[in-house]
Amino acid sequence: QVQLVESGGGLVQAGGSLRLSCAASGRTFSSYRLGWFRQAPGREREFVASIRLSIDTAYYTDSVKGRFTISRDNAKNTVYLQMNSLKPEDTAVYYCAAKEALAGSTYDYWGQGTQVTVSS
C-alpha cells in the first residue's frame, strides 16, 4: 500500500504563490506516476498535473499551463506543485494521487487533500 500526505495549502491573495508537497511512503515503484487533482464544492474533481517518478515527463491541464509547475525529488519520495499567479478560480481542495504507469491502470492511492483558497 502507498500512503500519500499533502501539505502546503493555505490562504493567499490573487497573484500570489503557494507550493504544495506530497510525501509518499509505503510500497512504491519507480514506474509510478503521481498526479495532482483538485475539487471545488459542487464541482467534479479535475486533473491538474502529473509526473513520472522515473522520467521527467509532465502533463498539465490547459488552465494552469505557464503558472503551475510539477516536480519531484526521488530521494525524498516527494512531489511538489509550485503554483504561481494564483487566481480565485484556483480555489479548491488539492489532492495527490498515485498510479502505476501501465496501460489501463487507475489512480488507486489518494491523499487526504489540502485546502487552497485564493482571495480576490
N, C-alpha and C. Protein backbone atom coordinates (compact mmCIF):
# COMPACT_ATOMS: atom_id res chain seq x y z
N GLN A 1 0.83 -1.18 0.00
CA GLN A 1 0.00 0.00 0.00
C GLN A 1 0.88 1.25 0.00
N VAL A 2 0.42 2.27 -0.71
CA VAL A 2 1.11 3.55 -0.78
C VAL A 2 0.33 4.56 0.04
N GLN A 3 1.03 5.28 0.90
CA GLN A 3 0.42 6.34 1.68
C GLN A 3 0.89 7.69 1.15
N LEU A 4 -0.04 8.63 0.99
CA LEU A 4 0.26 9.94 0.46
C LEU A 4 -0.23 11.00 1.43
N VAL A 5 0.61 11.98 1.72
CA VAL A 5 0.27 13.06 2.63
C VAL A 5 0.58 14.38 1.98
N GLU A 6 -0.45 15.22 1.78
CA GLU A 6 -0.27 16.54 1.19
C GLU A 6 -0.06 17.58 2.28
N SER A 7 0.63 18.65 1.91
CA SER A 7 0.82 19.79 2.79
C SER A 7 1.10 21.02 1.94
N GLY A 8 1.01 22.19 2.56
CA GLY A 8 1.36 23.43 1.89
C GLY A 8 0.20 24.31 1.49
N GLY A 9 -1.02 23.84 1.69
CA GLY A 9 -2.18 24.65 1.36
C GLY A 9 -2.34 25.82 2.31
N GLY A 10 -3.21 26.74 1.93
CA GLY A 10 -3.45 27.90 2.77
C GLY A 10 -4.24 28.96 2.05
N LEU A 11 -4.27 30.14 2.63
CA LEU A 11 -4.98 31.29 2.09
C LEU A 11 -3.97 32.25 1.48
N VAL A 12 -4.23 32.67 0.25
CA VAL A 12 -3.33 33.57 -0.45
C VAL A 12 -4.14 34.53 -1.31
N GLN A 13 -3.63 35.73 -1.52
CA GLN A 13 -4.29 36.70 -2.38
C GLN A 13 -4.04 36.38 -3.85
N ALA A 14 -4.94 36.81 -4.70
CA ALA A 14 -4.76 36.63 -6.13
C ALA A 14 -3.43 37.20 -6.58
N GLY A 15 -2.73 36.45 -7.42
CA GLY A 15 -1.41 36.83 -7.87
C GLY A 15 -0.29 36.26 -7.03
N GLY A 16 -0.62 35.69 -5.89
CA GLY A 16 0.37 35.11 -5.01
C GLY A 16 0.76 33.71 -5.41
N SER A 17 1.59 33.09 -4.55
CA SER A 17 2.13 31.77 -4.85
C SER A 17 2.02 30.84 -3.65
N LEU A 18 1.94 29.56 -3.92
CA LEU A 18 1.98 28.51 -2.92
C LEU A 18 2.71 27.32 -3.51
N ARG A 19 3.35 26.53 -2.66
CA ARG A 19 3.95 25.29 -3.09
C ARG A 19 3.38 24.14 -2.28
N LEU A 20 2.73 23.22 -2.96
CA LEU A 20 2.18 22.04 -2.33
C LEU A 20 3.19 20.90 -2.37
N SER A 21 3.19 20.09 -1.33
CA SER A 21 4.07 18.94 -1.25
C SER A 21 3.24 17.68 -1.06
N CYS A 22 3.70 16.59 -1.65
CA CYS A 22 3.07 15.29 -1.49
C CYS A 22 4.16 14.29 -1.14
N ALA A 23 4.15 13.81 0.08
CA ALA A 23 5.13 12.84 0.55
C ALA A 23 4.55 11.44 0.44
N ALA A 24 5.27 10.57 -0.26
CA ALA A 24 4.83 9.20 -0.47
C ALA A 24 5.62 8.25 0.41
N SER A 25 4.94 7.27 0.97
CA SER A 25 5.59 6.25 1.79
C SER A 25 4.93 4.91 1.53
N GLY A 26 5.51 3.87 2.10
CA GLY A 26 5.00 2.54 1.86
C GLY A 26 5.65 1.93 0.63
N ARG A 27 4.92 1.05 -0.02
CA ARG A 27 5.46 0.37 -1.19
C ARG A 27 5.27 1.21 -2.44
N THR A 28 6.37 1.68 -2.98
CA THR A 28 6.33 2.47 -4.19
C THR A 28 7.21 1.83 -5.26
N PHE A 29 6.99 2.23 -6.50
CA PHE A 29 7.71 1.68 -7.62
C PHE A 29 8.22 2.82 -8.49
N SER A 30 9.35 2.59 -9.14
CA SER A 30 9.94 3.61 -9.99
C SER A 30 9.07 3.95 -11.18
N SER A 31 8.18 3.05 -11.55
CA SER A 31 7.30 3.28 -12.69
C SER A 31 6.03 4.05 -12.33
N TYR A 32 5.87 4.43 -11.08
CA TYR A 32 4.67 5.14 -10.66
C TYR A 32 4.58 6.53 -11.26
N ARG A 33 3.36 6.96 -11.55
CA ARG A 33 3.07 8.33 -11.91
C ARG A 33 2.27 8.96 -10.79
N LEU A 34 2.68 10.14 -10.35
CA LEU A 34 1.96 10.88 -9.33
C LEU A 34 1.27 12.08 -9.95
N GLY A 35 0.04 12.30 -9.54
CA GLY A 35 -0.74 13.39 -10.09
C GLY A 35 -1.34 14.28 -9.03
N TRP A 36 -1.64 15.50 -9.43
CA TRP A 36 -2.37 16.44 -8.60
C TRP A 36 -3.75 16.65 -9.21
N PHE A 37 -4.76 16.57 -8.37
CA PHE A 37 -6.14 16.81 -8.75
C PHE A 37 -6.70 17.87 -7.82
N ARG A 38 -7.79 18.50 -8.23
CA ARG A 38 -8.44 19.48 -7.37
C ARG A 38 -9.94 19.38 -7.51
N GLN A 39 -10.64 19.76 -6.43
CA GLN A 39 -12.08 19.71 -6.42
C GLN A 39 -12.64 20.87 -5.61
N ALA A 40 -13.48 21.65 -6.26
CA ALA A 40 -14.19 22.74 -5.60
C ALA A 40 -15.57 22.26 -5.21
N PRO A 41 -16.20 22.86 -4.19
CA PRO A 41 -17.54 22.43 -3.77
C PRO A 41 -18.53 22.45 -4.93
N GLY A 42 -19.27 21.36 -5.08
CA GLY A 42 -20.26 21.27 -6.13
C GLY A 42 -19.71 20.99 -7.51
N ARG A 43 -18.42 20.78 -7.63
CA ARG A 43 -17.81 20.52 -8.93
C ARG A 43 -17.15 19.15 -8.95
N GLU A 44 -16.93 18.65 -10.15
CA GLU A 44 -16.24 17.38 -10.32
C GLU A 44 -14.76 17.55 -10.04
N ARG A 45 -14.15 16.51 -9.54
CA ARG A 45 -12.72 16.52 -9.36
C ARG A 45 -12.04 16.55 -10.74
N GLU A 46 -11.04 17.42 -10.88
CA GLU A 46 -10.38 17.57 -12.17
C GLU A 46 -8.88 17.36 -12.05
N PHE A 47 -8.31 16.89 -13.13
CA PHE A 47 -6.88 16.69 -13.22
C PHE A 47 -6.17 18.03 -13.34
N VAL A 48 -5.04 18.17 -12.64
CA VAL A 48 -4.24 19.39 -12.69
C VAL A 48 -2.90 19.13 -13.37
N ALA A 49 -2.14 18.18 -12.86
CA ALA A 49 -0.82 17.89 -13.40
C ALA A 49 -0.37 16.52 -12.95
N SER A 50 0.60 15.94 -13.66
CA SER A 50 1.15 14.65 -13.27
C SER A 50 2.59 14.54 -13.74
N ILE A 51 3.32 13.62 -13.12
CA ILE A 51 4.72 13.41 -13.47
C ILE A 51 5.11 11.98 -13.13
N ARG A 52 5.98 11.40 -13.95
CA ARG A 52 6.54 10.08 -13.67
C ARG A 52 7.63 10.21 -12.62
N LEU A 53 7.74 9.21 -11.76
CA LEU A 53 8.79 9.22 -10.76
C LEU A 53 10.16 8.98 -11.37
N SER A 54 10.22 8.18 -12.42
CA SER A 54 11.49 7.80 -13.01
C SER A 54 11.91 8.66 -14.19
N ILE A 55 10.95 9.29 -14.84
CA ILE A 55 11.22 10.11 -16.02
C ILE A 55 10.53 11.45 -15.88
N ASP A 56 11.23 12.52 -16.25
CA ASP A 56 10.67 13.86 -16.14
C ASP A 56 9.72 14.11 -17.31
N THR A 57 8.57 13.47 -17.27
CA THR A 57 7.53 13.64 -18.27
C THR A 57 6.30 14.18 -17.57
N ALA A 58 6.03 15.46 -17.76
CA ALA A 58 4.96 16.14 -17.04
C ALA A 58 3.82 16.52 -17.97
N TYR A 59 2.61 16.53 -17.42
CA TYR A 59 1.42 16.94 -18.14
C TYR A 59 0.64 17.93 -17.29
N TYR A 60 -0.02 18.88 -17.95
CA TYR A 60 -0.78 19.90 -17.25
C TYR A 60 -2.11 20.12 -17.94
N THR A 61 -3.11 20.46 -17.15
CA THR A 61 -4.36 20.90 -17.73
C THR A 61 -4.17 22.31 -18.28
N ASP A 62 -4.92 22.67 -19.30
CA ASP A 62 -4.69 23.93 -20.01
C ASP A 62 -4.79 25.15 -19.10
N SER A 63 -5.67 25.12 -18.13
CA SER A 63 -5.92 26.29 -17.31
C SER A 63 -4.75 26.67 -16.39
N VAL A 64 -3.80 25.76 -16.20
CA VAL A 64 -2.68 26.05 -15.30
C VAL A 64 -1.35 26.12 -16.03
N LYS A 65 -1.32 25.86 -17.32
CA LYS A 65 -0.08 25.90 -18.08
C LYS A 65 0.54 27.29 -18.01
N GLY A 66 1.84 27.33 -17.73
CA GLY A 66 2.54 28.60 -17.60
C GLY A 66 2.49 29.18 -16.21
N ARG A 67 1.63 28.65 -15.35
CA ARG A 67 1.51 29.16 -13.98
C ARG A 67 1.94 28.12 -12.94
N PHE A 68 1.62 26.86 -13.18
CA PHE A 68 1.94 25.78 -12.24
C PHE A 68 3.09 24.95 -12.78
N THR A 69 3.90 24.43 -11.88
CA THR A 69 5.00 23.55 -12.25
C THR A 69 5.03 22.36 -11.30
N ILE A 70 5.00 21.16 -11.85
CA ILE A 70 5.12 19.95 -11.04
C ILE A 70 6.56 19.46 -11.11
N SER A 71 7.06 19.00 -9.99
CA SER A 71 8.42 18.49 -9.92
C SER A 71 8.50 17.38 -8.89
N ARG A 72 9.62 16.68 -8.88
CA ARG A 72 9.76 15.60 -7.91
C ARG A 72 11.17 15.53 -7.38
N ASP A 73 11.30 15.01 -6.18
CA ASP A 73 12.58 14.72 -5.55
C ASP A 73 12.54 13.25 -5.18
N ASN A 74 13.11 12.41 -6.03
CA ASN A 74 13.03 10.97 -5.83
C ASN A 74 13.70 10.51 -4.54
N ALA A 75 14.77 11.20 -4.15
CA ALA A 75 15.47 10.83 -2.92
C ALA A 75 14.57 10.99 -1.70
N LYS A 76 13.63 11.92 -1.76
CA LYS A 76 12.72 12.18 -0.66
C LYS A 76 11.34 11.58 -0.89
N ASN A 77 11.15 10.93 -2.03
CA ASN A 77 9.83 10.38 -2.39
C ASN A 77 8.75 11.45 -2.26
N THR A 78 9.04 12.62 -2.79
CA THR A 78 8.15 13.76 -2.65
C THR A 78 7.91 14.41 -4.01
N VAL A 79 6.67 14.79 -4.25
CA VAL A 79 6.28 15.52 -5.45
C VAL A 79 5.76 16.88 -5.03
N TYR A 80 6.10 17.90 -5.81
CA TYR A 80 5.72 19.27 -5.49
C TYR A 80 4.85 19.85 -6.59
N LEU A 81 4.02 20.79 -6.21
CA LEU A 81 3.26 21.58 -7.17
C LEU A 81 3.48 23.04 -6.83
N GLN A 82 4.31 23.72 -7.62
CA GLN A 82 4.55 25.14 -7.45
C GLN A 82 3.47 25.90 -8.19
N MET A 83 2.71 26.70 -7.47
CA MET A 83 1.58 27.43 -8.04
C MET A 83 1.87 28.92 -7.97
N ASN A 84 2.01 29.54 -9.12
CA ASN A 84 2.26 30.98 -9.22
C ASN A 84 1.08 31.67 -9.90
N SER A 85 1.03 32.98 -9.73
CA SER A 85 -0.04 33.78 -10.34
C SER A 85 -1.41 33.19 -10.06
N LEU A 86 -1.66 32.87 -8.81
CA LEU A 86 -2.90 32.21 -8.44
C LEU A 86 -4.11 33.09 -8.69
N LYS A 87 -5.20 32.46 -9.09
CA LYS A 87 -6.46 33.12 -9.39
C LYS A 87 -7.54 32.59 -8.46
N PRO A 88 -8.59 33.38 -8.22
CA PRO A 88 -9.68 32.88 -7.37
C PRO A 88 -10.26 31.55 -7.85
N GLU A 89 -10.28 31.32 -9.16
CA GLU A 89 -10.81 30.08 -9.68
C GLU A 89 -9.93 28.87 -9.39
N ASP A 90 -8.73 29.11 -8.85
CA ASP A 90 -7.88 28.01 -8.42
C ASP A 90 -8.27 27.49 -7.04
N THR A 91 -9.19 28.16 -6.37
CA THR A 91 -9.63 27.74 -5.05
C THR A 91 -10.25 26.35 -5.11
N ALA A 92 -9.73 25.44 -4.30
CA ALA A 92 -10.20 24.06 -4.30
C ALA A 92 -9.44 23.27 -3.24
N VAL A 93 -9.90 22.06 -3.00
CA VAL A 93 -9.11 21.10 -2.24
C VAL A 93 -8.22 20.37 -3.24
N TYR A 94 -6.94 20.36 -2.98
CA TYR A 94 -5.99 19.73 -3.88
C TYR A 94 -5.57 18.38 -3.32
N TYR A 95 -5.63 17.37 -4.18
CA TYR A 95 -5.32 16.00 -3.80
C TYR A 95 -4.12 15.48 -4.57
N CYS A 96 -3.30 14.72 -3.89
CA CYS A 96 -2.22 13.98 -4.51
C CYS A 96 -2.68 12.55 -4.73
N ALA A 97 -2.34 11.97 -5.87
CA ALA A 97 -2.74 10.61 -6.18
C ALA A 97 -1.62 9.89 -6.91
N ALA A 98 -1.64 8.56 -6.85
CA ALA A 98 -0.58 7.76 -7.45
C ALA A 98 -1.16 6.57 -8.19
N LYS A 99 -0.50 6.21 -9.28
CA LYS A 99 -0.86 5.02 -10.02
C LYS A 99 0.37 4.46 -10.70
N GLU A 100 0.33 3.20 -11.05
CA GLU A 100 1.40 2.62 -11.83
C GLU A 100 1.31 3.12 -13.26
N ALA A 101 2.45 3.35 -13.87
CA ALA A 101 2.48 3.86 -15.24
C ALA A 101 2.30 2.71 -16.23
N LEU A 102 1.13 2.10 -16.18
CA LEU A 102 0.78 0.99 -17.04
C LEU A 102 -0.53 1.30 -17.74
N ALA A 103 -0.66 0.79 -18.95
CA ALA A 103 -1.90 0.97 -19.69
C ALA A 103 -3.06 0.37 -18.91
N GLY A 104 -4.12 1.15 -18.74
CA GLY A 104 -5.29 0.67 -18.04
C GLY A 104 -5.25 0.83 -16.54
N SER A 105 -4.14 1.30 -15.98
CA SER A 105 -4.06 1.48 -14.54
C SER A 105 -4.85 2.71 -14.12
N THR A 106 -5.26 2.73 -12.86
CA THR A 106 -6.04 3.82 -12.31
C THR A 106 -5.35 4.42 -11.10
N TYR A 107 -5.77 5.64 -10.75
CA TYR A 107 -5.25 6.28 -9.55
C TYR A 107 -5.93 5.66 -8.34
N ASP A 108 -5.29 4.67 -7.76
CA ASP A 108 -5.87 3.91 -6.65
C ASP A 108 -5.46 4.44 -5.29
N TYR A 109 -4.45 5.28 -5.24
CA TYR A 109 -3.94 5.78 -3.98
C TYR A 109 -4.11 7.29 -3.92
N TRP A 110 -4.73 7.76 -2.85
CA TRP A 110 -5.07 9.18 -2.72
C TRP A 110 -4.71 9.71 -1.34
N GLY A 111 -4.28 10.96 -1.30
CA GLY A 111 -4.07 11.64 -0.04
C GLY A 111 -5.36 12.21 0.48
N GLN A 112 -5.29 12.86 1.64
CA GLN A 112 -6.49 13.40 2.28
C GLN A 112 -6.89 14.77 1.74
N GLY A 113 -6.02 15.42 1.02
CA GLY A 113 -6.31 16.72 0.44
C GLY A 113 -5.81 17.87 1.30
N THR A 114 -5.53 18.98 0.65
CA THR A 114 -5.14 20.21 1.34
C THR A 114 -5.86 21.38 0.69
N GLN A 115 -6.42 22.26 1.51
CA GLN A 115 -7.25 23.36 1.03
C GLN A 115 -6.39 24.51 0.52
N VAL A 116 -6.71 24.99 -0.67
CA VAL A 116 -6.10 26.18 -1.24
C VAL A 116 -7.21 27.20 -1.48
N THR A 117 -7.09 28.37 -0.87
CA THR A 117 -8.08 29.42 -1.03
C THR A 117 -7.39 30.67 -1.55
N VAL A 118 -7.87 31.18 -2.67
CA VAL A 118 -7.31 32.37 -3.30
C VAL A 118 -8.35 33.48 -3.23
N SER A 119 -8.03 34.54 -2.52
CA SER A 119 -8.95 35.65 -2.37
C SER A 119 -8.72 36.69 -3.46
N SER A 120 -9.78 37.42 -3.80
CA SER A 120 -9.69 38.46 -4.82
C SER A 120 -9.50 39.83 -4.22
